[in-house]
Amino acid sequence: MTHIDPTRESFEIFKSLPRDKPIDMLNLIRLRERAAYTNGRNVSGAEAYAEYGKRSGPVFQRVGGEIIWRGEPQVMLIGPQDKVWDIAFIARYPGASAFLEMVTDSVYQTDAVPHRQAAVLDSRLIRHAVKTGGRQFS
């Protein structure tokens, strides 16, 4: 089973959590080899995801989002070997309300989302409360 868009149930849980504190969203993305556009556009999944980034970027920045970490996945040391990610990053939002503003924005919905849906084969998007770092695991 692949996961591209949130389910209604998971989105309702997201909306029920506090909206006024910063959140970090861990993004794990596996791209299609060829994008799956409904209009037959023939580009790679990577090209379609780059288009998503270009079109979603202004909305992301307007709501106060920032990428605080990005990495290049290399090997699944612990976990299912069939879960291979092409892109990994953490996006920080000033609050869940900012994330909700972005994903419900009409420009984001019409100009950006179709490129993400065409590009992505599988993904995980995990909300985290922001915690301070340190030298200990706990």
N, C-alpha and C. Protein backbone atom coordinates (compact mmCIF):
# COMPACT_ATOMS: atom_id res chain seq x y z
N MET A 1 0.83 -1.18 0.00
CA MET A 1 0.00 0.00 0.00
C MET A 1 0.88 1.25 0.00
N THR A 2 0.52 2.21 -0.82
CA THR A 2 1.27 3.45 -0.85
C THR A 2 0.44 4.56 -0.20
N HIS A 3 1.15 5.57 0.24
CA HIS A 3 0.52 6.69 0.93
C HIS A 3 0.97 7.98 0.26
N ILE A 4 0.02 8.70 -0.32
CA ILE A 4 0.35 9.95 -1.01
C ILE A 4 -0.35 11.13 -0.35
N ASP A 5 -1.62 10.99 -0.01
CA ASP A 5 -2.40 12.05 0.63
C ASP A 5 -2.89 11.56 1.99
N PRO A 6 -3.14 12.49 2.93
CA PRO A 6 -3.64 12.06 4.24
C PRO A 6 -5.05 11.49 4.14
N THR A 7 -5.36 10.57 5.04
CA THR A 7 -6.73 10.08 5.13
C THR A 7 -7.56 11.11 5.89
N ARG A 8 -8.85 11.05 5.75
CA ARG A 8 -9.73 11.96 6.49
C ARG A 8 -9.51 11.78 7.99
N GLU A 9 -9.37 10.52 8.44
CA GLU A 9 -9.19 10.23 9.85
C GLU A 9 -7.89 10.84 10.38
N SER A 10 -6.78 10.65 9.66
CA SER A 10 -5.50 11.19 10.15
C SER A 10 -5.51 12.71 10.12
N PHE A 11 -6.19 13.31 9.14
CA PHE A 11 -6.27 14.77 9.07
C PHE A 11 -7.10 15.31 10.23
N GLU A 12 -8.15 14.61 10.61
CA GLU A 12 -8.96 15.04 11.77
C GLU A 12 -8.15 14.97 13.06
N ILE A 13 -7.33 13.93 13.21
CA ILE A 13 -6.47 13.82 14.39
C ILE A 13 -5.48 14.98 14.40
N PHE A 14 -4.87 15.26 13.25
CA PHE A 14 -3.93 16.38 13.13
C PHE A 14 -4.60 17.68 13.58
N LYS A 15 -5.81 17.93 13.09
CA LYS A 15 -6.51 19.17 13.41
C LYS A 15 -6.92 19.25 14.89
N SER A 16 -7.04 18.11 15.56
CA SER A 16 -7.45 18.11 16.97
C SER A 16 -6.30 18.43 17.92
N LEU A 17 -5.07 18.37 17.43
CA LEU A 17 -3.90 18.66 18.26
C LEU A 17 -3.68 20.18 18.35
N PRO A 18 -2.91 20.64 19.34
CA PRO A 18 -2.68 22.08 19.48
C PRO A 18 -2.18 22.72 18.18
N ARG A 19 -2.66 23.92 17.91
CA ARG A 19 -2.31 24.61 16.67
C ARG A 19 -1.41 25.81 16.87
N ASP A 20 -1.12 26.16 18.13
CA ASP A 20 -0.42 27.42 18.40
C ASP A 20 1.04 27.26 18.79
N LYS A 21 1.60 26.06 18.69
CA LYS A 21 3.01 25.82 19.01
C LYS A 21 3.72 25.33 17.75
N PRO A 22 5.02 25.64 17.62
CA PRO A 22 5.75 25.17 16.44
C PRO A 22 5.68 23.65 16.29
N ILE A 23 5.65 23.20 15.06
CA ILE A 23 5.68 21.77 14.76
C ILE A 23 6.73 21.49 13.70
N ASP A 24 7.29 20.30 13.77
CA ASP A 24 8.20 19.81 12.75
C ASP A 24 7.51 18.68 12.01
N MET A 25 7.59 18.70 10.69
CA MET A 25 6.98 17.67 9.87
C MET A 25 8.09 16.90 9.16
N LEU A 26 8.28 15.62 9.57
CA LEU A 26 9.24 14.75 8.93
C LEU A 26 8.62 14.25 7.62
N ASN A 27 9.30 14.48 6.52
CA ASN A 27 8.85 14.06 5.19
C ASN A 27 9.79 13.01 4.65
N LEU A 28 9.24 11.86 4.29
CA LEU A 28 9.98 10.80 3.60
C LEU A 28 9.25 10.56 2.29
N ILE A 29 9.97 10.70 1.18
CA ILE A 29 9.34 10.66 -0.14
C ILE A 29 10.03 9.64 -1.02
N ARG A 30 9.23 8.78 -1.64
CA ARG A 30 9.72 7.89 -2.70
C ARG A 30 9.05 8.35 -3.99
N LEU A 31 9.86 8.64 -4.98
CA LEU A 31 9.36 9.17 -6.24
C LEU A 31 9.08 8.08 -7.26
N ARG A 32 8.14 8.36 -8.12
CA ARG A 32 7.90 7.48 -9.26
C ARG A 32 9.05 7.65 -10.26
N GLU A 33 9.33 6.62 -11.00
CA GLU A 33 10.34 6.75 -12.05
C GLU A 33 9.83 7.75 -13.09
N ARG A 34 8.59 7.57 -13.52
CA ARG A 34 7.94 8.51 -14.44
C ARG A 34 6.71 9.07 -13.72
N ALA A 35 6.53 10.38 -13.80
CA ALA A 35 5.38 11.02 -13.14
C ALA A 35 4.08 10.48 -13.73
N ALA A 36 3.05 10.47 -12.91
CA ALA A 36 1.73 9.96 -13.32
C ALA A 36 0.73 11.10 -13.43
N TYR A 37 0.94 11.96 -14.41
CA TYR A 37 0.02 13.07 -14.66
C TYR A 37 -1.24 12.55 -15.36
N THR A 38 -2.38 13.07 -14.97
CA THR A 38 -3.64 12.66 -15.61
C THR A 38 -3.73 13.20 -17.04
N ASN A 39 -2.98 14.27 -17.34
CA ASN A 39 -3.02 14.83 -18.69
C ASN A 39 -1.98 14.21 -19.62
N GLY A 40 -1.24 13.19 -19.14
CA GLY A 40 -0.27 12.50 -19.98
C GLY A 40 1.09 13.17 -20.06
N ARG A 41 1.30 14.24 -19.33
CA ARG A 41 2.61 14.91 -19.34
C ARG A 41 3.69 13.88 -19.03
N ASN A 42 4.77 13.87 -19.81
CA ASN A 42 5.80 12.85 -19.70
C ASN A 42 7.09 13.44 -19.15
N VAL A 43 7.24 13.38 -17.81
CA VAL A 43 8.46 13.81 -17.14
C VAL A 43 8.76 12.80 -16.03
N SER A 44 9.95 12.89 -15.48
CA SER A 44 10.31 11.99 -14.38
C SER A 44 9.60 12.41 -13.10
N GLY A 45 9.55 11.50 -12.15
CA GLY A 45 9.00 11.84 -10.85
C GLY A 45 9.81 12.96 -10.19
N ALA A 46 11.13 12.92 -10.37
CA ALA A 46 11.99 13.96 -9.79
C ALA A 46 11.67 15.33 -10.40
N GLU A 47 11.44 15.37 -11.70
CA GLU A 47 11.09 16.65 -12.35
C GLU A 47 9.74 17.15 -11.86
N ALA A 48 8.78 16.24 -11.70
CA ALA A 48 7.46 16.64 -11.22
C ALA A 48 7.54 17.13 -9.78
N TYR A 49 8.38 16.49 -8.94
CA TYR A 49 8.51 16.93 -7.56
C TYR A 49 9.22 18.28 -7.48
N ALA A 50 10.18 18.51 -8.36
CA ALA A 50 10.84 19.82 -8.43
C ALA A 50 9.83 20.90 -8.79
N GLU A 51 8.90 20.58 -9.68
CA GLU A 51 7.84 21.54 -10.04
C GLU A 51 6.93 21.79 -8.84
N TYR A 52 6.62 20.75 -8.08
CA TYR A 52 5.85 20.91 -6.86
C TYR A 52 6.57 21.88 -5.91
N GLY A 53 7.86 21.69 -5.72
CA GLY A 53 8.63 22.56 -4.84
C GLY A 53 8.63 24.00 -5.30
N LYS A 54 8.76 24.20 -6.59
CA LYS A 54 8.76 25.56 -7.15
C LYS A 54 7.41 26.24 -6.92
N ARG A 55 6.34 25.50 -7.11
CA ARG A 55 5.00 26.09 -7.00
C ARG A 55 4.52 26.20 -5.55
N SER A 56 4.94 25.27 -4.69
CA SER A 56 4.50 25.33 -3.29
C SER A 56 5.37 26.27 -2.45
N GLY A 57 6.59 26.52 -2.89
CA GLY A 57 7.54 27.33 -2.13
C GLY A 57 7.02 28.68 -1.67
N PRO A 58 6.42 29.48 -2.54
CA PRO A 58 5.93 30.79 -2.08
C PRO A 58 4.86 30.69 -0.99
N VAL A 59 3.98 29.71 -1.09
CA VAL A 59 2.94 29.54 -0.06
C VAL A 59 3.60 29.07 1.24
N PHE A 60 4.51 28.10 1.14
CA PHE A 60 5.25 27.58 2.29
C PHE A 60 5.97 28.71 3.03
N GLN A 61 6.64 29.57 2.29
CA GLN A 61 7.36 30.68 2.90
C GLN A 61 6.40 31.72 3.49
N ARG A 62 5.30 31.98 2.81
CA ARG A 62 4.34 32.97 3.30
C ARG A 62 3.76 32.58 4.65
N VAL A 63 3.52 31.28 4.87
CA VAL A 63 2.95 30.85 6.16
C VAL A 63 4.02 30.71 7.24
N GLY A 64 5.28 30.96 6.89
CA GLY A 64 6.36 30.90 7.88
C GLY A 64 7.10 29.59 7.95
N GLY A 65 6.91 28.73 6.95
CA GLY A 65 7.59 27.44 6.94
C GLY A 65 9.06 27.58 6.57
N GLU A 66 9.87 26.67 7.08
CA GLU A 66 11.28 26.62 6.71
C GLU A 66 11.76 25.17 6.79
N ILE A 67 12.69 24.83 5.90
CA ILE A 67 13.31 23.51 5.94
C ILE A 67 14.46 23.61 6.95
N ILE A 68 14.38 22.82 8.03
CA ILE A 68 15.42 22.90 9.06
C ILE A 68 16.44 21.78 8.94
N TRP A 69 16.13 20.74 8.17
CA TRP A 69 17.06 19.64 7.94
C TRP A 69 16.67 18.94 6.65
N ARG A 70 17.66 18.53 5.90
CA ARG A 70 17.43 17.66 4.75
C ARG A 70 18.61 16.71 4.64
N GLY A 71 18.32 15.52 4.16
CA GLY A 71 19.37 14.53 4.00
C GLY A 71 19.11 13.69 2.76
N GLU A 72 20.12 12.94 2.39
CA GLU A 72 20.02 12.04 1.24
C GLU A 72 20.01 10.61 1.76
N PRO A 73 18.85 9.95 1.77
CA PRO A 73 18.79 8.57 2.28
C PRO A 73 19.76 7.67 1.52
N GLN A 74 20.48 6.83 2.28
CA GLN A 74 21.48 5.96 1.66
C GLN A 74 21.22 4.47 1.87
N VAL A 75 20.81 4.08 3.07
CA VAL A 75 20.57 2.66 3.33
C VAL A 75 19.56 2.54 4.47
N MET A 76 18.69 1.55 4.38
CA MET A 76 17.75 1.24 5.46
C MET A 76 18.47 0.28 6.39
N LEU A 77 19.03 0.79 7.47
CA LEU A 77 19.78 -0.03 8.41
C LEU A 77 18.85 -0.87 9.27
N ILE A 78 17.77 -0.25 9.75
CA ILE A 78 16.74 -0.95 10.52
C ILE A 78 15.41 -0.59 9.89
N GLY A 79 14.68 -1.57 9.47
CA GLY A 79 13.38 -1.32 8.87
C GLY A 79 13.20 -2.14 7.61
N PRO A 80 12.00 -2.07 7.05
CA PRO A 80 11.70 -2.87 5.85
C PRO A 80 12.59 -2.46 4.68
N GLN A 81 13.23 -3.43 4.07
CA GLN A 81 14.14 -3.14 2.97
C GLN A 81 13.42 -2.65 1.72
N ASP A 82 12.10 -2.87 1.65
CA ASP A 82 11.36 -2.39 0.48
C ASP A 82 10.95 -0.93 0.61
N LYS A 83 11.21 -0.32 1.76
CA LYS A 83 10.90 1.10 1.95
C LYS A 83 12.15 1.91 1.68
N VAL A 84 12.29 2.36 0.46
CA VAL A 84 13.43 3.14 0.02
C VAL A 84 12.95 4.56 -0.22
N TRP A 85 13.62 5.52 0.39
CA TRP A 85 13.20 6.93 0.26
C TRP A 85 14.20 7.67 -0.61
N ASP A 86 13.69 8.50 -1.51
CA ASP A 86 14.53 9.32 -2.37
C ASP A 86 14.82 10.68 -1.74
N ILE A 87 13.88 11.17 -0.94
CA ILE A 87 13.97 12.51 -0.36
C ILE A 87 13.60 12.41 1.12
N ALA A 88 14.36 13.09 1.97
CA ALA A 88 14.05 13.17 3.39
C ALA A 88 14.33 14.59 3.86
N PHE A 89 13.36 15.18 4.56
CA PHE A 89 13.58 16.51 5.12
C PHE A 89 12.61 16.77 6.26
N ILE A 90 12.93 17.78 7.05
CA ILE A 90 12.05 18.23 8.12
C ILE A 90 11.68 19.67 7.84
N ALA A 91 10.38 19.92 7.75
CA ALA A 91 9.85 21.27 7.57
C ALA A 91 9.31 21.74 8.91
N ARG A 92 9.71 22.94 9.32
CA ARG A 92 9.20 23.51 10.57
C ARG A 92 8.18 24.59 10.22
N TYR A 93 7.08 24.56 10.97
CA TYR A 93 6.01 25.56 10.83
C TYR A 93 5.86 26.26 12.17
N PRO A 94 5.51 27.55 12.17
CA PRO A 94 5.33 28.27 13.43
C PRO A 94 4.19 27.71 14.27
N GLY A 95 3.32 26.94 13.66
CA GLY A 95 2.22 26.27 14.36
C GLY A 95 1.46 25.42 13.36
N ALA A 96 0.65 24.50 13.89
CA ALA A 96 -0.15 23.66 13.00
C ALA A 96 -1.11 24.50 12.18
N SER A 97 -1.52 25.66 12.71
CA SER A 97 -2.42 26.53 11.95
C SER A 97 -1.75 27.00 10.66
N ALA A 98 -0.43 27.22 10.69
CA ALA A 98 0.29 27.63 9.48
C ALA A 98 0.30 26.50 8.45
N PHE A 99 0.53 25.27 8.92
CA PHE A 99 0.48 24.12 8.00
C PHE A 99 -0.91 24.00 7.39
N LEU A 100 -1.94 24.13 8.22
CA LEU A 100 -3.32 24.04 7.72
C LEU A 100 -3.62 25.15 6.72
N GLU A 101 -3.09 26.35 6.99
CA GLU A 101 -3.28 27.46 6.05
C GLU A 101 -2.66 27.13 4.70
N MET A 102 -1.48 26.52 4.74
CA MET A 102 -0.80 26.16 3.49
C MET A 102 -1.60 25.12 2.71
N VAL A 103 -1.96 24.02 3.36
CA VAL A 103 -2.58 22.91 2.62
C VAL A 103 -4.01 23.23 2.16
N THR A 104 -4.62 24.25 2.73
CA THR A 104 -5.97 24.64 2.28
C THR A 104 -5.94 25.85 1.36
N ASP A 105 -4.77 26.40 1.11
CA ASP A 105 -4.62 27.55 0.21
C ASP A 105 -5.01 27.15 -1.21
N SER A 106 -5.82 27.95 -1.87
CA SER A 106 -6.32 27.59 -3.21
C SER A 106 -5.20 27.51 -4.23
N VAL A 107 -4.21 28.38 -4.14
CA VAL A 107 -3.07 28.32 -5.06
C VAL A 107 -2.29 27.03 -4.84
N TYR A 108 -2.04 26.69 -3.58
CA TYR A 108 -1.34 25.45 -3.26
C TYR A 108 -2.13 24.25 -3.81
N GLN A 109 -3.41 24.23 -3.57
CA GLN A 109 -4.26 23.11 -4.00
C GLN A 109 -4.27 22.93 -5.51
N THR A 110 -4.39 24.02 -6.25
CA THR A 110 -4.54 23.91 -7.70
C THR A 110 -3.23 23.93 -8.47
N ASP A 111 -2.23 24.68 -7.98
CA ASP A 111 -0.97 24.83 -8.72
C ASP A 111 0.13 23.88 -8.27
N ALA A 112 0.10 23.43 -7.02
CA ALA A 112 1.20 22.62 -6.50
C ALA A 112 0.83 21.15 -6.31
N VAL A 113 -0.29 20.88 -5.65
CA VAL A 113 -0.65 19.51 -5.28
C VAL A 113 -0.67 18.54 -6.47
N PRO A 114 -1.20 18.92 -7.63
CA PRO A 114 -1.20 17.96 -8.74
C PRO A 114 0.21 17.47 -9.11
N HIS A 115 1.22 18.31 -8.95
CA HIS A 115 2.60 17.90 -9.25
C HIS A 115 3.12 16.93 -8.21
N ARG A 116 2.76 17.15 -6.94
CA ARG A 116 3.16 16.22 -5.88
C ARG A 116 2.49 14.87 -6.10
N GLN A 117 1.21 14.88 -6.40
CA GLN A 117 0.48 13.63 -6.61
C GLN A 117 1.04 12.87 -7.81
N ALA A 118 1.45 13.57 -8.85
CA ALA A 118 2.03 12.92 -10.02
C ALA A 118 3.42 12.36 -9.74
N ALA A 119 4.17 13.02 -8.87
CA ALA A 119 5.56 12.68 -8.60
C ALA A 119 5.74 11.53 -7.62
N VAL A 120 4.90 11.49 -6.59
CA VAL A 120 5.14 10.63 -5.43
C VAL A 120 4.56 9.23 -5.61
N LEU A 121 5.40 8.23 -5.38
CA LEU A 121 4.96 6.84 -5.38
C LEU A 121 4.51 6.43 -3.98
N ASP A 122 5.23 6.90 -2.96
CA ASP A 122 4.92 6.57 -1.58
C ASP A 122 5.52 7.67 -0.71
N SER A 123 4.94 7.90 0.46
CA SER A 123 5.48 8.92 1.35
C SER A 123 5.04 8.69 2.77
N ARG A 124 5.73 9.37 3.68
CA ARG A 124 5.34 9.44 5.08
C ARG A 124 5.47 10.91 5.49
N LEU A 125 4.49 11.39 6.21
CA LEU A 125 4.51 12.76 6.72
C LEU A 125 4.12 12.64 8.19
N ILE A 126 5.07 12.92 9.07
CA ILE A 126 4.88 12.67 10.50
C ILE A 126 5.05 13.98 11.27
N ARG A 127 3.98 14.38 11.97
CA ARG A 127 4.01 15.59 12.78
C ARG A 127 4.75 15.31 14.09
N HIS A 128 5.59 16.26 14.49
CA HIS A 128 6.33 16.18 15.75
C HIS A 128 6.19 17.50 16.50
N ALA A 129 6.05 17.40 17.82
CA ALA A 129 6.19 18.58 18.67
C ALA A 129 7.67 18.92 18.71
N VAL A 130 8.01 20.21 18.71
CA VAL A 130 9.39 20.64 18.73
C VAL A 130 9.95 20.45 20.15
N LYS A 131 11.08 19.78 20.23
CA LYS A 131 11.78 19.57 21.50
C LYS A 131 13.19 20.13 21.36
N THR A 132 13.81 20.46 22.47
CA THR A 132 15.17 20.95 22.42
C THR A 132 16.13 19.80 22.25
N GLY A 133 17.28 20.09 21.65
CA GLY A 133 18.30 19.06 21.42
C GLY A 133 19.19 18.89 22.64
N GLY A 134 20.26 18.17 22.46
CA GLY A 134 21.19 17.93 23.54
C GLY A 134 22.10 16.77 23.23
N ARG A 135 22.82 16.32 24.23
CA ARG A 135 23.79 15.25 24.04
C ARG A 135 23.27 13.90 24.52
N GLN A 136 22.04 13.86 25.02
CA GLN A 136 21.44 12.64 25.53
C GLN A 136 20.26 12.25 24.65
N PHE A 137 19.92 10.98 24.61
CA PHE A 137 18.78 10.51 23.83
C PHE A 137 17.45 10.85 24.48
N SER A 138 17.44 10.96 25.79
CA SER A 138 16.16 11.25 26.46
C SER A 138 16.11 12.66 26.99
